[in-house]
Each structure stands twice: as C-alpha cells, then as structure tokens.
Amino acid sequence: MSDIPDQAALRAHMGAISLLAERKVLHALDRHCRAFIALSPFLVLASADADGRADASPRGDPPGFVQVLDDRSLLLPDRPGNNRVDSFANVLATRGIGLIFFVPGIDETLRVNGTARLLTDSEALAGSSIAGKAPRTGLVVAVEEAFFHCAKAVRRARLWDPAAQVERSTFPSLGRILAEQTQAFSVEEAERRTEDSYRTRMY
C-alpha cells in the first residue's frame, strides 16, 4: 500500500483533466443551473471546521426550496432538527461550503461551491415559509463555482430505479436504532418520539 504524497503525484497518478471537465466550471449560475435548482427537492451540504473535520448534511423540502437570489447568491432555509448545528458552526469557523443538488428522475447532479453566512433576518426569511412557518435561520451562499456532474454515480447506484429500492421492513426503524445506540429510552418510547417529531416538527 502506497500513499499519494502531494498534488503533483496525484495528477501524475490520475492523468490530465479533460478539456470538457476543465471548461464546464462556471463562476456564476447560468439558466441551466437556475432551472435545476428550481426543480431540486434535495441536496447534500458539505462543510468543515477550523481543524479540517468534515461534515455532510442532507437538506430537503419541496422543489425550489433553495432560492436563487441572483446569479452569484443562494438562500438555503433551515428547518427544525436536532439542534446540533454542525454546519452552522463550521460556516462560522471557515465559511467554506459545498452543495450537491439532486432531482428525482434526473441522473445528473449540480455541484455548487462557495462561502456562506448565517441569516436570521425574519423579513428576508419570510419568503421561505411553509405551512405558515418561516425558518428562524438560513444560509446565504456566495457562489464561487457551479458545474454539472455526469450521471455515472447515480446510474451505478440505480438511485431512481424502483426495482433497486430496499424494502423498508428489512432495516430497523430509526427509533429502534437510537434506543439501542443511546440506551436513553426504550425502543417503544424512542419510536414514539421519532414518529411524533416527523408528524409535528417538520416545519
């Protein structure tokens, strides 16, 4: 087993980047990026703290929940969760952020990299209300790079293929998993709390 020690060795190992891959990187959102974001109900948000510890967090809402403020700015609303706020803490520490947008039924994905800041202004967040409830916090993302990924990863995973879906009953419920991992509640109580959260604390 041998490690790759630096970027020069990495490039020598992997070979030259293709012209298409090099030129596809945009520094502002064009009409294709904006249209994809408007269709997207789900993304993964990546960040890192000051010590380089990485974190990735799923975010989802109805399609178009991420607002395109302009060609270089996005607004990502926050919804009720577990209050770990790992992503927010990382943004305060380093500001760097990466997003990958998914659209069900489309195998390509959109990647956006940039910096972010926290937003708590109620007037600015009012436009992200769902079921009459506005988010208390949001992320304003300053876009530095945007580009589409090809479909290979999603097609390898058969992500949108109904025949590849796992039968839910073959895997334990989140309540059972948390009860066994934390020993904080009985399985029954953990499952009740989880379902209650899904039912009453989505927004």
N, C-alpha and C. Protein backbone atom coordinates (compact mmCIF):
# COMPACT_ATOMS: atom_id res chain seq x y z
N MET A 1 0.84 -1.19 0.00
CA MET A 1 0.00 0.00 0.00
C MET A 1 0.88 1.25 0.00
N SER A 2 0.61 2.18 -0.93
CA SER A 2 1.40 3.40 -1.00
C SER A 2 0.46 4.60 -1.04
N ASP A 3 0.84 5.66 -0.37
CA ASP A 3 0.06 6.88 -0.35
C ASP A 3 0.52 7.83 -1.45
N ILE A 4 -0.41 8.70 -1.87
CA ILE A 4 -0.06 9.76 -2.80
C ILE A 4 0.33 10.97 -1.97
N PRO A 5 1.58 11.44 -2.06
CA PRO A 5 2.07 12.45 -1.10
C PRO A 5 1.65 13.88 -1.38
N ASP A 6 1.37 14.22 -2.64
CA ASP A 6 1.08 15.62 -2.95
C ASP A 6 0.27 15.71 -4.23
N GLN A 7 -0.10 16.94 -4.60
CA GLN A 7 -0.96 17.12 -5.76
C GLN A 7 -0.26 16.77 -7.07
N ALA A 8 1.03 17.00 -7.14
CA ALA A 8 1.75 16.64 -8.35
C ALA A 8 1.71 15.13 -8.57
N ALA A 9 1.89 14.37 -7.48
CA ALA A 9 1.83 12.92 -7.58
C ALA A 9 0.42 12.45 -7.91
N LEU A 10 -0.56 13.15 -7.36
CA LEU A 10 -1.96 12.83 -7.66
C LEU A 10 -2.25 13.00 -9.14
N ARG A 11 -1.82 14.12 -9.70
CA ARG A 11 -2.08 14.37 -11.12
C ARG A 11 -1.34 13.37 -11.99
N ALA A 12 -0.12 13.00 -11.60
CA ALA A 12 0.63 12.01 -12.36
C ALA A 12 -0.07 10.66 -12.31
N HIS A 13 -0.65 10.34 -11.16
CA HIS A 13 -1.34 9.05 -10.99
C HIS A 13 -2.65 9.01 -11.78
N MET A 14 -3.40 10.12 -11.76
CA MET A 14 -4.74 10.13 -12.36
C MET A 14 -4.72 10.51 -13.84
N GLY A 15 -3.72 11.25 -14.27
CA GLY A 15 -3.70 11.72 -15.64
C GLY A 15 -4.28 13.11 -15.76
N ALA A 16 -4.21 13.66 -16.95
CA ALA A 16 -4.65 15.04 -17.19
C ALA A 16 -6.16 15.16 -17.10
N ILE A 17 -6.61 16.32 -16.62
CA ILE A 17 -8.03 16.60 -16.59
C ILE A 17 -8.51 16.84 -18.02
N SER A 18 -9.72 16.39 -18.33
CA SER A 18 -10.22 16.58 -19.69
C SER A 18 -10.57 18.03 -19.93
N LEU A 19 -10.54 18.44 -21.17
CA LEU A 19 -10.85 19.82 -21.52
C LEU A 19 -12.28 20.16 -21.14
N LEU A 20 -13.19 19.22 -21.34
CA LEU A 20 -14.60 19.45 -21.01
C LEU A 20 -14.78 19.65 -19.51
N ALA A 21 -14.13 18.79 -18.72
CA ALA A 21 -14.24 18.91 -17.26
C ALA A 21 -13.64 20.22 -16.76
N GLU A 22 -12.61 20.67 -17.42
CA GLU A 22 -11.96 21.91 -17.02
C GLU A 22 -12.81 23.12 -17.36
N ARG A 23 -13.42 23.10 -18.53
CA ARG A 23 -14.14 24.27 -19.00
C ARG A 23 -15.58 24.36 -18.49
N LYS A 24 -16.12 23.27 -17.94
CA LYS A 24 -17.52 23.29 -17.52
C LYS A 24 -17.73 24.08 -16.23
N VAL A 25 -16.69 24.40 -15.50
CA VAL A 25 -16.82 25.12 -14.23
C VAL A 25 -17.21 26.57 -14.50
N LEU A 26 -18.36 26.97 -13.94
CA LEU A 26 -18.85 28.34 -14.05
C LEU A 26 -18.58 29.08 -12.75
N HIS A 27 -18.55 30.39 -12.83
CA HIS A 27 -18.36 31.21 -11.63
C HIS A 27 -19.60 32.04 -11.31
N ALA A 28 -20.68 31.70 -11.97
CA ALA A 28 -22.00 32.28 -11.70
C ALA A 28 -23.03 31.27 -12.20
N LEU A 29 -24.25 31.39 -11.75
CA LEU A 29 -25.31 30.46 -12.11
C LEU A 29 -25.92 30.87 -13.45
N ASP A 30 -25.85 29.98 -14.44
CA ASP A 30 -26.50 30.27 -15.71
C ASP A 30 -27.93 29.74 -15.68
N ARG A 31 -28.62 29.81 -16.80
CA ARG A 31 -30.03 29.43 -16.82
C ARG A 31 -30.22 27.94 -16.54
N HIS A 32 -29.26 27.11 -16.91
CA HIS A 32 -29.38 25.67 -16.65
C HIS A 32 -29.23 25.38 -15.16
N CYS A 33 -28.30 26.04 -14.52
CA CYS A 33 -28.13 25.87 -13.06
C CYS A 33 -29.37 26.34 -12.32
N ARG A 34 -29.89 27.49 -12.71
CA ARG A 34 -31.06 28.05 -12.04
C ARG A 34 -32.27 27.14 -12.22
N ALA A 35 -32.43 26.59 -13.42
CA ALA A 35 -33.57 25.70 -13.67
C ALA A 35 -33.45 24.42 -12.86
N PHE A 36 -32.24 23.88 -12.73
CA PHE A 36 -32.03 22.65 -11.97
C PHE A 36 -32.32 22.89 -10.49
N ILE A 37 -31.86 24.01 -9.95
CA ILE A 37 -32.10 24.33 -8.54
C ILE A 37 -33.60 24.48 -8.29
N ALA A 38 -34.32 25.06 -9.25
CA ALA A 38 -35.77 25.22 -9.10
C ALA A 38 -36.50 23.88 -9.07
N LEU A 39 -35.93 22.85 -9.68
CA LEU A 39 -36.53 21.51 -9.70
C LEU A 39 -36.11 20.65 -8.51
N SER A 40 -35.08 21.07 -7.80
CA SER A 40 -34.46 20.19 -6.80
C SER A 40 -35.16 20.24 -5.44
N PRO A 41 -35.56 19.05 -4.91
CA PRO A 41 -36.13 18.99 -3.57
C PRO A 41 -35.13 18.49 -2.52
N PHE A 42 -33.89 18.25 -2.94
CA PHE A 42 -32.94 17.61 -2.02
C PHE A 42 -31.52 17.98 -2.40
N LEU A 43 -30.71 18.23 -1.35
CA LEU A 43 -29.29 18.47 -1.57
C LEU A 43 -28.48 17.93 -0.39
N VAL A 44 -27.20 17.79 -0.61
CA VAL A 44 -26.26 17.46 0.47
C VAL A 44 -25.36 18.66 0.65
N LEU A 45 -25.24 19.11 1.90
CA LEU A 45 -24.44 20.29 2.25
C LEU A 45 -23.17 19.82 2.94
N ALA A 46 -22.01 20.19 2.40
CA ALA A 46 -20.73 19.80 2.98
C ALA A 46 -20.01 21.03 3.54
N SER A 47 -19.36 20.83 4.68
CA SER A 47 -18.61 21.91 5.31
C SER A 47 -17.49 21.30 6.13
N ALA A 48 -16.63 22.13 6.68
CA ALA A 48 -15.53 21.65 7.53
C ALA A 48 -15.23 22.69 8.58
N ASP A 49 -14.74 22.22 9.74
CA ASP A 49 -14.41 23.15 10.80
C ASP A 49 -12.97 23.64 10.66
N ALA A 50 -12.53 24.44 11.61
CA ALA A 50 -11.21 25.05 11.52
C ALA A 50 -10.08 24.03 11.58
N ASP A 51 -10.36 22.84 12.09
CA ASP A 51 -9.35 21.79 12.16
C ASP A 51 -9.43 20.82 10.99
N GLY A 52 -10.29 21.12 10.02
CA GLY A 52 -10.41 20.28 8.84
C GLY A 52 -11.34 19.10 8.99
N ARG A 53 -12.05 18.99 10.11
CA ARG A 53 -13.01 17.90 10.28
C ARG A 53 -14.22 18.18 9.41
N ALA A 54 -14.53 17.25 8.52
CA ALA A 54 -15.58 17.45 7.52
C ALA A 54 -16.92 16.97 8.03
N ASP A 55 -17.98 17.54 7.44
CA ASP A 55 -19.34 17.17 7.79
C ASP A 55 -20.20 17.28 6.53
N ALA A 56 -21.14 16.37 6.39
CA ALA A 56 -22.10 16.43 5.29
C ALA A 56 -23.50 16.25 5.86
N SER A 57 -24.43 17.09 5.42
CA SER A 57 -25.76 17.12 5.99
C SER A 57 -26.82 17.13 4.90
N PRO A 58 -27.84 16.26 4.98
CA PRO A 58 -28.92 16.28 3.97
C PRO A 58 -29.90 17.41 4.25
N ARG A 59 -30.40 18.02 3.20
CA ARG A 59 -31.41 19.07 3.31
C ARG A 59 -32.49 18.82 2.26
N GLY A 60 -33.75 18.89 2.65
CA GLY A 60 -34.81 18.64 1.69
C GLY A 60 -36.08 19.40 2.01
N ASP A 61 -36.82 19.71 0.97
CA ASP A 61 -38.07 20.45 1.05
C ASP A 61 -38.74 20.32 -0.32
N PRO A 62 -39.90 20.95 -0.51
CA PRO A 62 -40.49 20.93 -1.86
C PRO A 62 -39.53 21.51 -2.90
N PRO A 63 -39.67 21.09 -4.16
CA PRO A 63 -38.77 21.60 -5.21
C PRO A 63 -38.70 23.12 -5.23
N GLY A 64 -37.48 23.62 -5.38
CA GLY A 64 -37.27 25.06 -5.42
C GLY A 64 -37.13 25.69 -4.05
N PHE A 65 -36.93 24.87 -3.01
CA PHE A 65 -36.82 25.44 -1.67
C PHE A 65 -35.58 26.31 -1.50
N VAL A 66 -34.56 26.07 -2.30
CA VAL A 66 -33.39 26.96 -2.30
C VAL A 66 -33.67 28.10 -3.26
N GLN A 67 -33.66 29.30 -2.75
CA GLN A 67 -33.95 30.47 -3.58
C GLN A 67 -32.68 30.98 -4.27
N VAL A 68 -32.80 31.25 -5.55
CA VAL A 68 -31.72 31.91 -6.29
C VAL A 68 -31.94 33.41 -6.14
N LEU A 69 -31.12 34.05 -5.35
CA LEU A 69 -31.26 35.49 -5.12
C LEU A 69 -30.75 36.29 -6.30
N ASP A 70 -29.65 35.83 -6.87
CA ASP A 70 -29.11 36.39 -8.10
C ASP A 70 -28.12 35.36 -8.65
N ASP A 71 -27.38 35.70 -9.69
CA ASP A 71 -26.52 34.72 -10.34
C ASP A 71 -25.35 34.26 -9.48
N ARG A 72 -25.11 34.95 -8.37
CA ARG A 72 -24.00 34.58 -7.50
C ARG A 72 -24.42 34.30 -6.06
N SER A 73 -25.74 34.24 -5.80
CA SER A 73 -26.20 34.09 -4.42
C SER A 73 -27.39 33.16 -4.32
N LEU A 74 -27.36 32.31 -3.27
CA LEU A 74 -28.46 31.40 -2.96
C LEU A 74 -28.88 31.59 -1.51
N LEU A 75 -30.16 31.31 -1.23
CA LEU A 75 -30.65 31.29 0.14
C LEU A 75 -31.16 29.90 0.45
N LEU A 76 -30.56 29.27 1.43
CA LEU A 76 -30.93 27.92 1.86
C LEU A 76 -31.59 28.01 3.23
N PRO A 77 -32.92 27.79 3.34
CA PRO A 77 -33.60 27.88 4.63
C PRO A 77 -33.29 26.69 5.52
N ASP A 78 -33.31 26.91 6.82
CA ASP A 78 -33.09 25.85 7.78
C ASP A 78 -34.44 25.45 8.39
N ARG A 79 -34.62 24.18 8.64
CA ARG A 79 -35.86 23.67 9.23
C ARG A 79 -35.56 23.05 10.59
N PRO A 80 -36.59 22.83 11.43
CA PRO A 80 -36.36 22.24 12.75
C PRO A 80 -35.63 20.91 12.66
N GLY A 81 -34.64 20.72 13.53
CA GLY A 81 -33.87 19.49 13.55
C GLY A 81 -33.46 19.15 14.95
N ASN A 82 -32.26 18.61 15.09
CA ASN A 82 -31.81 18.15 16.40
C ASN A 82 -30.95 19.19 17.14
N ASN A 83 -30.80 20.36 16.53
CA ASN A 83 -30.03 21.46 17.13
C ASN A 83 -28.54 21.16 17.33
N ARG A 84 -28.00 20.19 16.58
CA ARG A 84 -26.54 20.00 16.61
C ARG A 84 -25.84 21.18 15.93
N VAL A 85 -26.46 21.74 14.92
CA VAL A 85 -25.96 22.90 14.15
C VAL A 85 -24.50 22.76 13.73
N ASP A 86 -24.10 21.56 13.35
CA ASP A 86 -22.72 21.33 12.91
C ASP A 86 -22.37 22.19 11.70
N SER A 87 -23.26 22.24 10.72
CA SER A 87 -22.97 23.01 9.51
C SER A 87 -22.84 24.49 9.83
N PHE A 88 -23.73 25.00 10.67
CA PHE A 88 -23.67 26.41 11.02
C PHE A 88 -22.38 26.74 11.76
N ALA A 89 -21.99 25.88 12.70
CA ALA A 89 -20.74 26.11 13.43
C ALA A 89 -19.55 26.12 12.47
N ASN A 90 -19.57 25.21 11.50
CA ASN A 90 -18.48 25.16 10.53
C ASN A 90 -18.44 26.42 9.68
N VAL A 91 -19.60 26.91 9.27
CA VAL A 91 -19.65 28.14 8.48
C VAL A 91 -19.09 29.32 9.28
N LEU A 92 -19.42 29.38 10.56
CA LEU A 92 -18.87 30.44 11.39
C LEU A 92 -17.35 30.33 11.52
N ALA A 93 -16.84 29.10 11.46
CA ALA A 93 -15.40 28.89 11.62
C ALA A 93 -14.62 29.13 10.33
N THR A 94 -15.17 28.67 9.20
CA THR A 94 -14.38 28.71 7.96
C THR A 94 -15.09 29.31 6.75
N ARG A 95 -16.41 29.37 6.80
CA ARG A 95 -17.26 29.92 5.73
C ARG A 95 -17.34 29.06 4.48
N GLY A 96 -16.42 28.14 4.25
CA GLY A 96 -16.45 27.32 3.04
C GLY A 96 -17.62 26.35 3.05
N ILE A 97 -18.22 26.15 1.87
CA ILE A 97 -19.39 25.28 1.78
C ILE A 97 -19.45 24.64 0.40
N GLY A 98 -20.00 23.43 0.34
CA GLY A 98 -20.23 22.75 -0.92
C GLY A 98 -21.63 22.16 -0.93
N LEU A 99 -22.33 22.26 -2.05
CA LEU A 99 -23.68 21.74 -2.19
C LEU A 99 -23.74 20.82 -3.40
N ILE A 100 -24.46 19.71 -3.27
CA ILE A 100 -24.78 18.89 -4.43
C ILE A 100 -26.30 18.75 -4.49
N PHE A 101 -26.88 19.24 -5.59
CA PHE A 101 -28.33 19.22 -5.79
C PHE A 101 -28.74 17.97 -6.56
N PHE A 102 -29.83 17.35 -6.12
CA PHE A 102 -30.40 16.18 -6.78
C PHE A 102 -31.82 16.50 -7.25
N VAL A 103 -32.21 15.92 -8.38
CA VAL A 103 -33.57 15.99 -8.88
C VAL A 103 -34.04 14.57 -9.17
N PRO A 104 -35.06 14.08 -8.48
CA PRO A 104 -35.54 12.72 -8.74
C PRO A 104 -35.88 12.51 -10.21
N GLY A 105 -35.37 11.43 -10.77
CA GLY A 105 -35.62 11.12 -12.17
C GLY A 105 -34.57 11.64 -13.12
N ILE A 106 -33.72 12.55 -12.66
CA ILE A 106 -32.61 13.06 -13.47
C ILE A 106 -31.32 12.52 -12.89
N ASP A 107 -30.52 11.86 -13.69
CA ASP A 107 -29.32 11.19 -13.19
C ASP A 107 -28.16 12.15 -12.96
N GLU A 108 -28.12 13.27 -13.67
CA GLU A 108 -27.06 14.24 -13.44
C GLU A 108 -27.33 15.03 -12.15
N THR A 109 -26.27 15.56 -11.55
CA THR A 109 -26.40 16.39 -10.36
C THR A 109 -25.67 17.71 -10.58
N LEU A 110 -25.98 18.68 -9.73
CA LEU A 110 -25.36 20.00 -9.83
C LEU A 110 -24.55 20.27 -8.57
N ARG A 111 -23.32 20.68 -8.75
CA ARG A 111 -22.43 20.98 -7.63
C ARG A 111 -22.17 22.48 -7.57
N VAL A 112 -22.33 23.03 -6.37
CA VAL A 112 -22.08 24.45 -6.14
C VAL A 112 -21.12 24.58 -4.97
N ASN A 113 -20.02 25.29 -5.16
CA ASN A 113 -19.05 25.56 -4.10
C ASN A 113 -18.95 27.05 -3.86
N GLY A 114 -18.70 27.41 -2.62
CA GLY A 114 -18.55 28.84 -2.32
C GLY A 114 -18.36 29.08 -0.84
N THR A 115 -18.82 30.21 -0.39
CA THR A 115 -18.78 30.57 1.02
C THR A 115 -20.19 30.89 1.48
N ALA A 116 -20.40 30.87 2.79
CA ALA A 116 -21.74 31.10 3.31
C ALA A 116 -21.70 31.96 4.55
N ARG A 117 -22.83 32.57 4.83
CA ARG A 117 -23.01 33.32 6.07
C ARG A 117 -24.39 33.00 6.62
N LEU A 118 -24.55 33.13 7.93
CA LEU A 118 -25.83 32.86 8.56
C LEU A 118 -26.75 34.07 8.45
N LEU A 119 -28.03 33.79 8.22
CA LEU A 119 -29.04 34.84 8.10
C LEU A 119 -30.13 34.57 9.13
N THR A 120 -30.49 35.59 9.92
CA THR A 120 -31.57 35.45 10.90
C THR A 120 -32.63 36.52 10.73
N ASP A 121 -32.53 37.33 9.71
CA ASP A 121 -33.49 38.40 9.47
C ASP A 121 -34.85 37.82 9.10
N SER A 122 -35.86 38.06 9.92
CA SER A 122 -37.17 37.44 9.73
C SER A 122 -37.83 37.89 8.43
N GLU A 123 -37.63 39.13 8.04
CA GLU A 123 -38.23 39.62 6.81
C GLU A 123 -37.62 38.92 5.59
N ALA A 124 -36.31 38.75 5.60
CA ALA A 124 -35.63 38.09 4.49
C ALA A 124 -35.99 36.61 4.41
N LEU A 125 -36.31 35.99 5.54
CA LEU A 125 -36.61 34.57 5.59
C LEU A 125 -38.10 34.27 5.38
N ALA A 126 -38.94 35.29 5.40
CA ALA A 126 -40.38 35.08 5.30
C ALA A 126 -40.78 34.39 4.00
N GLY A 127 -40.03 34.66 2.93
CA GLY A 127 -40.35 34.04 1.65
C GLY A 127 -40.10 32.55 1.60
N SER A 128 -39.45 32.00 2.63
CA SER A 128 -39.18 30.56 2.69
C SER A 128 -40.16 29.84 3.62
N SER A 129 -41.26 30.51 3.98
CA SER A 129 -42.25 29.91 4.87
C SER A 129 -42.94 28.72 4.22
N ILE A 130 -43.22 27.70 5.02
CA ILE A 130 -44.02 26.55 4.60
C ILE A 130 -45.02 26.27 5.72
N ALA A 131 -46.27 26.01 5.34
CA ALA A 131 -47.33 25.75 6.32
C ALA A 131 -47.43 26.89 7.33
N GLY A 132 -47.18 28.11 6.84
CA GLY A 132 -47.29 29.28 7.69
C GLY A 132 -46.15 29.48 8.66
N LYS A 133 -45.10 28.67 8.54
CA LYS A 133 -43.98 28.76 9.47
C LYS A 133 -42.71 29.16 8.72
N ALA A 134 -42.14 30.28 9.12
CA ALA A 134 -40.89 30.75 8.50
C ALA A 134 -39.71 30.16 9.24
N PRO A 135 -38.62 29.88 8.53
CA PRO A 135 -37.41 29.41 9.21
C PRO A 135 -36.81 30.50 10.09
N ARG A 136 -36.21 30.09 11.18
CA ARG A 136 -35.55 31.05 12.07
C ARG A 136 -34.17 31.45 11.56
N THR A 137 -33.60 30.58 10.74
CA THR A 137 -32.23 30.77 10.27
C THR A 137 -32.12 30.31 8.82
N GLY A 138 -31.18 30.86 8.12
CA GLY A 138 -30.88 30.42 6.77
C GLY A 138 -29.42 30.61 6.46
N LEU A 139 -28.99 30.04 5.35
CA LEU A 139 -27.63 30.24 4.87
C LEU A 139 -27.69 31.01 3.56
N VAL A 140 -26.96 32.09 3.48
CA VAL A 140 -26.78 32.79 2.21
C VAL A 140 -25.46 32.32 1.64
N VAL A 141 -25.52 31.70 0.47
CA VAL A 141 -24.34 31.11 -0.16
C VAL A 141 -23.85 32.02 -1.28
N ALA A 142 -22.60 32.41 -1.20
CA ALA A 142 -21.95 33.17 -2.28
C ALA A 142 -21.30 32.16 -3.22
N VAL A 143 -21.80 32.07 -4.44
CA VAL A 143 -21.36 31.07 -5.40
C VAL A 143 -19.99 31.42 -5.97
N GLU A 144 -19.06 30.48 -5.87
CA GLU A 144 -17.74 30.65 -6.48
C GLU A 144 -17.56 29.70 -7.67
N GLU A 145 -18.14 28.52 -7.58
CA GLU A 145 -18.08 27.53 -8.66
C GLU A 145 -19.42 26.83 -8.79
N ALA A 146 -19.80 26.52 -10.00
CA ALA A 146 -21.00 25.72 -10.25
C ALA A 146 -20.76 24.87 -11.49
N PHE A 147 -21.07 23.59 -11.39
CA PHE A 147 -20.93 22.73 -12.56
C PHE A 147 -21.73 21.45 -12.37
N PHE A 148 -22.12 20.87 -13.51
CA PHE A 148 -22.90 19.64 -13.50
C PHE A 148 -21.99 18.43 -13.47
N HIS A 149 -22.42 17.42 -12.68
CA HIS A 149 -21.75 16.12 -12.67
C HIS A 149 -22.46 15.19 -13.65
N CYS A 150 -21.70 14.35 -14.29
CA CYS A 150 -22.30 13.36 -15.18
C CYS A 150 -23.10 12.34 -14.37
N ALA A 151 -23.80 11.45 -15.07
CA ALA A 151 -24.76 10.55 -14.43
C ALA A 151 -24.15 9.26 -13.89
N LYS A 152 -22.85 9.07 -14.02
CA LYS A 152 -22.28 7.76 -13.72
C LYS A 152 -22.56 7.29 -12.29
N ALA A 153 -22.36 8.16 -11.30
CA ALA A 153 -22.54 7.74 -9.90
C ALA A 153 -23.98 7.34 -9.62
N VAL A 154 -24.93 8.15 -10.08
CA VAL A 154 -26.34 7.86 -9.84
C VAL A 154 -26.77 6.61 -10.59
N ARG A 155 -26.25 6.43 -11.80
CA ARG A 155 -26.61 5.22 -12.56
C ARG A 155 -25.98 3.97 -11.96
N ARG A 156 -24.76 4.09 -11.47
CA ARG A 156 -24.16 2.93 -10.79
C ARG A 156 -24.97 2.54 -9.56
N ALA A 157 -25.47 3.56 -8.87
CA ALA A 157 -26.24 3.31 -7.64
C ALA A 157 -27.69 2.89 -7.94
N ARG A 158 -28.14 3.09 -9.18
CA ARG A 158 -29.54 2.84 -9.55
C ARG A 158 -30.46 3.60 -8.61
N LEU A 159 -30.09 4.85 -8.32
CA LEU A 159 -30.74 5.62 -7.28
C LEU A 159 -32.23 5.82 -7.52
N TRP A 160 -32.63 6.07 -8.77
CA TRP A 160 -34.03 6.34 -9.05
C TRP A 160 -34.77 5.12 -9.60
N ASP A 161 -34.13 3.97 -9.61
CA ASP A 161 -34.72 2.75 -10.16
C ASP A 161 -35.62 2.10 -9.11
N PRO A 162 -36.94 2.05 -9.32
CA PRO A 162 -37.83 1.45 -8.33
C PRO A 162 -37.46 0.00 -7.98
N ALA A 163 -36.91 -0.71 -8.95
CA ALA A 163 -36.54 -2.10 -8.70
C ALA A 163 -35.37 -2.24 -7.73
N ALA A 164 -34.63 -1.16 -7.53
CA ALA A 164 -33.47 -1.20 -6.63
C ALA A 164 -33.81 -0.75 -5.21
N GLN A 165 -35.05 -0.32 -4.99
CA GLN A 165 -35.42 0.16 -3.66
C GLN A 165 -35.41 -0.98 -2.64
N VAL A 166 -34.95 -0.65 -1.44
CA VAL A 166 -34.88 -1.62 -0.35
C VAL A 166 -36.22 -1.65 0.37
N GLU A 167 -36.72 -2.83 0.64
CA GLU A 167 -37.96 -2.98 1.40
C GLU A 167 -37.74 -2.42 2.81
N ARG A 168 -38.55 -1.45 3.21
CA ARG A 168 -38.32 -0.75 4.48
C ARG A 168 -38.30 -1.69 5.67
N SER A 169 -39.07 -2.75 5.63
CA SER A 169 -39.16 -3.65 6.77
C SER A 169 -37.89 -4.47 6.99
N THR A 170 -36.96 -4.42 6.01
CA THR A 170 -35.73 -5.21 6.16
C THR A 170 -34.67 -4.49 6.99
N PHE A 171 -34.93 -3.23 7.36
CA PHE A 171 -33.96 -2.45 8.13
C PHE A 171 -34.65 -1.86 9.34
N PRO A 172 -33.98 -1.82 10.50
CA PRO A 172 -34.63 -1.33 11.72
C PRO A 172 -35.09 0.13 11.59
N SER A 173 -36.11 0.48 12.36
CA SER A 173 -36.57 1.86 12.41
C SER A 173 -35.51 2.73 13.09
N LEU A 174 -35.56 4.05 12.81
CA LEU A 174 -34.63 4.96 13.46
C LEU A 174 -34.82 4.93 14.97
N GLY A 175 -36.07 4.83 15.42
CA GLY A 175 -36.33 4.76 16.85
C GLY A 175 -35.61 3.59 17.51
N ARG A 176 -35.70 2.42 16.88
CA ARG A 176 -35.01 1.25 17.44
C ARG A 176 -33.50 1.45 17.44
N ILE A 177 -32.97 1.98 16.35
CA ILE A 177 -31.52 2.21 16.27
C ILE A 177 -31.06 3.15 17.38
N LEU A 178 -31.77 4.26 17.54
CA LEU A 178 -31.38 5.24 18.56
C LEU A 178 -31.52 4.67 19.96
N ALA A 179 -32.56 3.89 20.19
CA ALA A 179 -32.74 3.28 21.51
C ALA A 179 -31.58 2.36 21.84
N GLU A 180 -31.16 1.56 20.86
CA GLU A 180 -30.07 0.61 21.10
C GLU A 180 -28.72 1.32 21.19
N GLN A 181 -28.54 2.39 20.41
CA GLN A 181 -27.24 3.08 20.42
C GLN A 181 -27.06 3.97 21.64
N THR A 182 -28.14 4.61 22.10
CA THR A 182 -28.01 5.58 23.18
C THR A 182 -28.39 5.05 24.55
N GLN A 183 -29.22 4.01 24.57
CA GLN A 183 -29.73 3.48 25.85
C GLN A 183 -30.47 4.55 26.66
N ALA A 184 -30.96 5.60 25.98
CA ALA A 184 -31.64 6.70 26.66
C ALA A 184 -33.12 6.44 26.87
N PHE A 185 -33.73 5.66 25.97
CA PHE A 185 -35.15 5.35 26.05
C PHE A 185 -35.38 3.90 25.66
N SER A 186 -36.57 3.42 25.97
CA SER A 186 -36.96 2.11 25.46
C SER A 186 -37.20 2.22 23.96
N VAL A 187 -37.22 1.10 23.27
CA VAL A 187 -37.50 1.11 21.84
C VAL A 187 -38.85 1.75 21.57
N GLU A 188 -39.84 1.39 22.35
CA GLU A 188 -41.19 1.92 22.15
C GLU A 188 -41.22 3.43 22.31
N GLU A 189 -40.55 3.95 23.36
CA GLU A 189 -40.54 5.39 23.59
C GLU A 189 -39.75 6.11 22.50
N ALA A 190 -38.63 5.56 22.09
CA ALA A 190 -37.83 6.18 21.03
C ALA A 190 -38.60 6.22 19.72
N GLU A 191 -39.31 5.14 19.41
CA GLU A 191 -40.10 5.13 18.17
C GLU A 191 -41.25 6.13 18.25
N ARG A 192 -41.87 6.25 19.42
CA ARG A 192 -42.95 7.21 19.58
C ARG A 192 -42.44 8.63 19.40
N ARG A 193 -41.29 8.93 20.01
CA ARG A 193 -40.72 10.27 19.90
C ARG A 193 -40.32 10.59 18.46
N THR A 194 -39.74 9.61 17.77
CA THR A 194 -39.33 9.83 16.39
C THR A 194 -40.52 10.11 15.50
N GLU A 195 -41.56 9.28 15.61
CA GLU A 195 -42.75 9.48 14.78
C GLU A 195 -43.45 10.79 15.11
N ASP A 196 -43.46 11.17 16.39
CA ASP A 196 -44.07 12.43 16.78
C ASP A 196 -43.30 13.61 16.17
N SER A 197 -41.98 13.49 16.13
CA SER A 197 -41.16 14.54 15.52
C SER A 197 -41.45 14.65 14.03
N TYR A 198 -41.58 13.50 13.35
CA TYR A 198 -41.90 13.52 11.92
C TYR A 198 -43.27 14.15 11.69
N ARG A 199 -44.19 13.90 12.59
CA ARG A 199 -45.57 14.35 12.39
C ARG A 199 -45.76 15.83 12.74
N THR A 200 -45.07 16.32 13.76
CA THR A 200 -45.36 17.67 14.27
C THR A 200 -44.23 18.68 14.11
N ARG A 201 -43.00 18.23 13.76
CA ARG A 201 -41.87 19.17 13.76
C ARG A 201 -41.14 19.20 12.41
N MET A 202 -41.90 18.99 11.33
CA MET A 202 -41.28 19.11 10.01
C MET A 202 -40.97 20.57 9.69
N TYR A 203 -41.83 21.48 10.18
CA TYR A 203 -41.65 22.91 9.91
C TYR A 203 -41.89 23.72 11.18
